[in-house]
Amino acid sequence: MLGETRRFLLARLYRHWRVEMQVEQATRALHTLYHAYLNRPGMLPPQAQARAAVGGLPRAVCDHIAGMTDRYAIGRYEEAVGPAELPDCF
């Protein structure tokens, strides 16, 4: 029974083509944010900039992005690239 449930969920939910598309779009959006913050650390909020001075910029950027809610990430992505470029991922 557990094996059947697992196969069903993998095929119909976890690996559904629409889920895979959203995962790809979200990955691109987060990748864009990561590189935007690395290239322009002044875009980071003051707390993240302070953490960058102690633990390094890449770690501070990762930590900042990891703490984002979907809504916050969408807002920052729109600010970085513009709302017309926002993928349908969130």
N, C-alpha and C. Protein backbone atom coordinates (compact mmCIF):
# COMPACT_ATOMS: atom_id res chain seq x y z
N MET A 1 0.82 -1.20 0.00
CA MET A 1 0.00 0.00 0.00
C MET A 1 0.86 1.26 0.00
N LEU A 2 1.89 1.29 0.83
CA LEU A 2 2.76 2.46 0.90
C LEU A 2 3.47 2.69 -0.43
N GLY A 3 3.92 1.62 -1.06
CA GLY A 3 4.57 1.72 -2.36
C GLY A 3 3.65 2.29 -3.42
N GLU A 4 2.41 1.88 -3.42
CA GLU A 4 1.43 2.40 -4.38
C GLU A 4 1.20 3.89 -4.15
N THR A 5 1.07 4.27 -2.91
CA THR A 5 0.86 5.68 -2.57
C THR A 5 2.06 6.51 -3.02
N ARG A 6 3.24 6.02 -2.75
CA ARG A 6 4.46 6.73 -3.14
C ARG A 6 4.53 6.91 -4.66
N ARG A 7 4.27 5.86 -5.40
CA ARG A 7 4.30 5.95 -6.87
C ARG A 7 3.24 6.94 -7.38
N PHE A 8 2.06 6.88 -6.79
CA PHE A 8 0.99 7.79 -7.19
C PHE A 8 1.41 9.24 -6.95
N LEU A 9 1.93 9.52 -5.76
CA LEU A 9 2.32 10.89 -5.43
C LEU A 9 3.47 11.38 -6.31
N LEU A 10 4.42 10.52 -6.58
CA LEU A 10 5.53 10.92 -7.45
C LEU A 10 5.03 11.27 -8.84
N ALA A 11 4.19 10.44 -9.40
CA ALA A 11 3.72 10.63 -10.77
C ALA A 11 2.71 11.77 -10.89
N ARG A 12 1.83 11.89 -9.93
CA ARG A 12 0.72 12.83 -10.06
C ARG A 12 0.90 14.14 -9.33
N LEU A 13 1.84 14.20 -8.40
CA LEU A 13 1.99 15.43 -7.62
C LEU A 13 3.41 15.96 -7.68
N TYR A 14 4.36 15.22 -7.15
CA TYR A 14 5.73 15.72 -7.01
C TYR A 14 6.41 15.94 -8.35
N ARG A 15 6.13 15.12 -9.32
CA ARG A 15 6.77 15.24 -10.63
C ARG A 15 5.78 15.61 -11.74
N HIS A 16 4.69 16.19 -11.35
CA HIS A 16 3.72 16.66 -12.33
C HIS A 16 4.38 17.76 -13.16
N TRP A 17 4.06 17.83 -14.43
CA TRP A 17 4.73 18.78 -15.32
C TRP A 17 4.54 20.23 -14.88
N ARG A 18 3.40 20.56 -14.30
CA ARG A 18 3.19 21.93 -13.85
C ARG A 18 4.05 22.25 -12.62
N VAL A 19 4.21 21.29 -11.75
CA VAL A 19 5.09 21.47 -10.59
C VAL A 19 6.53 21.64 -11.06
N GLU A 20 6.95 20.80 -11.99
CA GLU A 20 8.31 20.90 -12.53
C GLU A 20 8.54 22.27 -13.17
N MET A 21 7.55 22.79 -13.87
CA MET A 21 7.68 24.11 -14.49
C MET A 21 7.82 25.20 -13.43
N GLN A 22 7.03 25.11 -12.37
CA GLN A 22 7.12 26.11 -11.31
C GLN A 22 8.45 26.03 -10.58
N VAL A 23 8.95 24.83 -10.38
CA VAL A 23 10.26 24.67 -9.75
C VAL A 23 11.33 25.33 -10.61
N GLU A 24 11.27 25.13 -11.90
CA GLU A 24 12.25 25.76 -12.81
C GLU A 24 12.16 27.27 -12.75
N GLN A 25 10.95 27.81 -12.76
CA GLN A 25 10.77 29.26 -12.72
C GLN A 25 11.24 29.84 -11.39
N ALA A 26 10.95 29.18 -10.30
CA ALA A 26 11.39 29.65 -8.99
C ALA A 26 12.91 29.60 -8.89
N THR A 27 13.51 28.55 -9.43
CA THR A 27 14.96 28.43 -9.43
C THR A 27 15.60 29.59 -10.17
N ARG A 28 15.05 29.93 -11.32
CA ARG A 28 15.58 31.06 -12.09
C ARG A 28 15.44 32.37 -11.33
N ALA A 29 14.30 32.57 -10.69
CA ALA A 29 14.08 33.81 -9.94
C ALA A 29 15.07 33.92 -8.78
N LEU A 30 15.26 32.84 -8.04
CA LEU A 30 16.19 32.87 -6.91
C LEU A 30 17.63 33.01 -7.37
N HIS A 31 17.96 32.39 -8.47
CA HIS A 31 19.29 32.52 -9.06
C HIS A 31 19.55 33.98 -9.45
N THR A 32 18.56 34.61 -10.04
CA THR A 32 18.67 36.02 -10.43
C THR A 32 18.88 36.90 -9.20
N LEU A 33 18.10 36.67 -8.16
CA LEU A 33 18.26 37.45 -6.93
C LEU A 33 19.64 37.25 -6.32
N TYR A 34 20.09 36.01 -6.26
CA TYR A 34 21.40 35.71 -5.68
C TYR A 34 22.50 36.51 -6.39
N HIS A 35 22.50 36.46 -7.70
CA HIS A 35 23.55 37.16 -8.46
C HIS A 35 23.38 38.68 -8.40
N ALA A 36 22.15 39.14 -8.33
CA ALA A 36 21.94 40.58 -8.19
C ALA A 36 22.53 41.08 -6.88
N TYR A 37 22.29 40.35 -5.79
CA TYR A 37 22.84 40.74 -4.49
C TYR A 37 24.36 40.62 -4.46
N LEU A 38 24.91 39.60 -5.10
CA LEU A 38 26.38 39.47 -5.15
C LEU A 38 27.00 40.61 -5.92
N ASN A 39 26.38 40.98 -7.03
CA ASN A 39 26.93 42.04 -7.87
C ASN A 39 26.70 43.44 -7.31
N ARG A 40 25.64 43.59 -6.53
CA ARG A 40 25.31 44.89 -5.95
C ARG A 40 24.91 44.71 -4.49
N PRO A 41 25.89 44.50 -3.61
CA PRO A 41 25.58 44.24 -2.20
C PRO A 41 24.84 45.38 -1.52
N GLY A 42 24.89 46.56 -2.09
CA GLY A 42 24.15 47.68 -1.53
C GLY A 42 22.64 47.48 -1.60
N MET A 43 22.18 46.52 -2.38
CA MET A 43 20.75 46.20 -2.46
C MET A 43 20.29 45.43 -1.23
N LEU A 44 21.23 44.86 -0.49
CA LEU A 44 20.88 44.09 0.71
C LEU A 44 20.46 45.03 1.84
N PRO A 45 19.55 44.60 2.69
CA PRO A 45 19.20 45.40 3.86
C PRO A 45 20.41 45.51 4.81
N PRO A 46 20.42 46.51 5.67
CA PRO A 46 21.57 46.74 6.55
C PRO A 46 22.00 45.52 7.37
N GLN A 47 21.03 44.73 7.89
CA GLN A 47 21.42 43.57 8.69
C GLN A 47 22.19 42.56 7.86
N ALA A 48 21.78 42.34 6.63
CA ALA A 48 22.47 41.40 5.76
C ALA A 48 23.84 41.93 5.37
N GLN A 49 23.95 43.23 5.17
CA GLN A 49 25.25 43.82 4.87
C GLN A 49 26.21 43.65 6.05
N ALA A 50 25.68 43.80 7.26
CA ALA A 50 26.51 43.61 8.46
C ALA A 50 26.98 42.15 8.56
N ARG A 51 26.08 41.20 8.26
CA ARG A 51 26.47 39.79 8.28
C ARG A 51 27.51 39.50 7.22
N ALA A 52 27.43 40.18 6.08
CA ALA A 52 28.41 39.98 5.00
C ALA A 52 29.80 40.40 5.45
N ALA A 53 29.87 41.44 6.26
CA ALA A 53 31.17 41.91 6.75
C ALA A 53 31.82 40.88 7.67
N VAL A 54 31.01 40.08 8.34
CA VAL A 54 31.53 39.09 9.27
C VAL A 54 31.72 37.72 8.62
N GLY A 55 30.71 37.23 7.92
CA GLY A 55 30.74 35.87 7.39
C GLY A 55 30.96 35.77 5.89
N GLY A 56 31.13 36.89 5.22
CA GLY A 56 31.33 36.87 3.78
C GLY A 56 30.03 37.12 3.04
N LEU A 57 30.16 37.74 1.88
CA LEU A 57 28.99 38.12 1.10
C LEU A 57 28.17 36.92 0.60
N PRO A 58 28.79 35.89 0.01
CA PRO A 58 27.96 34.77 -0.47
C PRO A 58 27.10 34.13 0.63
N ARG A 59 27.67 33.96 1.82
CA ARG A 59 26.91 33.36 2.92
C ARG A 59 25.77 34.28 3.35
N ALA A 60 26.05 35.58 3.43
CA ALA A 60 25.02 36.54 3.84
C ALA A 60 23.88 36.58 2.82
N VAL A 61 24.23 36.53 1.54
CA VAL A 61 23.20 36.53 0.50
C VAL A 61 22.34 35.27 0.59
N CYS A 62 22.99 34.13 0.74
CA CYS A 62 22.24 32.87 0.88
C CYS A 62 21.31 32.90 2.09
N ASP A 63 21.82 33.38 3.21
CA ASP A 63 21.01 33.45 4.42
C ASP A 63 19.83 34.40 4.24
N HIS A 64 20.08 35.53 3.59
CA HIS A 64 19.01 36.50 3.37
C HIS A 64 17.92 35.90 2.48
N ILE A 65 18.32 35.27 1.40
CA ILE A 65 17.34 34.66 0.48
C ILE A 65 16.60 33.52 1.17
N ALA A 66 17.31 32.73 1.96
CA ALA A 66 16.67 31.60 2.66
C ALA A 66 15.60 32.07 3.63
N GLY A 67 15.75 33.27 4.16
CA GLY A 67 14.78 33.80 5.11
C GLY A 67 13.60 34.51 4.47
N MET A 68 13.59 34.60 3.16
CA MET A 68 12.52 35.31 2.46
C MET A 68 11.22 34.50 2.43
N THR A 69 10.12 35.20 2.57
CA THR A 69 8.83 34.59 2.26
C THR A 69 8.64 34.68 0.75
N ASP A 70 7.68 33.94 0.23
CA ASP A 70 7.39 34.01 -1.20
C ASP A 70 7.06 35.45 -1.62
N ARG A 71 6.22 36.09 -0.86
CA ARG A 71 5.78 37.45 -1.19
C ARG A 71 6.95 38.43 -1.20
N TYR A 72 7.82 38.31 -0.20
CA TYR A 72 8.99 39.18 -0.13
C TYR A 72 9.92 38.92 -1.31
N ALA A 73 10.15 37.65 -1.64
CA ALA A 73 11.02 37.30 -2.76
C ALA A 73 10.46 37.84 -4.07
N ILE A 74 9.16 37.75 -4.26
CA ILE A 74 8.53 38.30 -5.47
C ILE A 74 8.77 39.79 -5.55
N GLY A 75 8.58 40.48 -4.44
CA GLY A 75 8.79 41.93 -4.42
C GLY A 75 10.22 42.31 -4.76
N ARG A 76 11.18 41.60 -4.18
CA ARG A 76 12.59 41.90 -4.47
C ARG A 76 12.93 41.56 -5.91
N TYR A 77 12.38 40.47 -6.42
CA TYR A 77 12.63 40.08 -7.81
C TYR A 77 12.07 41.14 -8.75
N GLU A 78 10.86 41.60 -8.48
CA GLU A 78 10.25 42.64 -9.32
C GLU A 78 11.08 43.91 -9.29
N GLU A 79 11.62 44.25 -8.13
CA GLU A 79 12.47 45.44 -8.03
C GLU A 79 13.76 45.27 -8.82
N ALA A 80 14.29 44.05 -8.86
CA ALA A 80 15.55 43.80 -9.54
C ALA A 80 15.41 43.76 -11.05
N VAL A 81 14.35 43.14 -11.55
CA VAL A 81 14.23 42.95 -13.01
C VAL A 81 12.98 43.57 -13.61
N GLY A 82 12.06 44.00 -12.80
CA GLY A 82 10.83 44.59 -13.32
C GLY A 82 9.69 43.59 -13.31
N PRO A 83 8.46 44.05 -13.11
CA PRO A 83 7.31 43.14 -13.00
C PRO A 83 7.00 42.38 -14.27
N ALA A 84 7.37 42.91 -15.42
CA ALA A 84 7.07 42.21 -16.68
C ALA A 84 7.86 40.90 -16.79
N GLU A 85 8.96 40.80 -16.06
CA GLU A 85 9.81 39.62 -16.15
C GLU A 85 9.47 38.56 -15.10
N LEU A 86 8.53 38.84 -14.22
CA LEU A 86 8.24 37.92 -13.13
C LEU A 86 7.69 36.60 -13.65
N PRO A 87 8.36 35.48 -13.33
CA PRO A 87 7.83 34.20 -13.74
C PRO A 87 6.61 33.82 -12.91
N ASP A 88 5.82 32.92 -13.40
CA ASP A 88 4.61 32.47 -12.73
C ASP A 88 4.94 31.36 -11.74
N CYS A 89 5.81 31.63 -10.79
CA CYS A 89 6.33 30.53 -9.96
C CYS A 89 5.81 30.56 -8.53
N PHE A 90 5.28 31.67 -8.08
CA PHE A 90 4.95 31.75 -6.66
C PHE A 90 3.46 31.73 -6.44
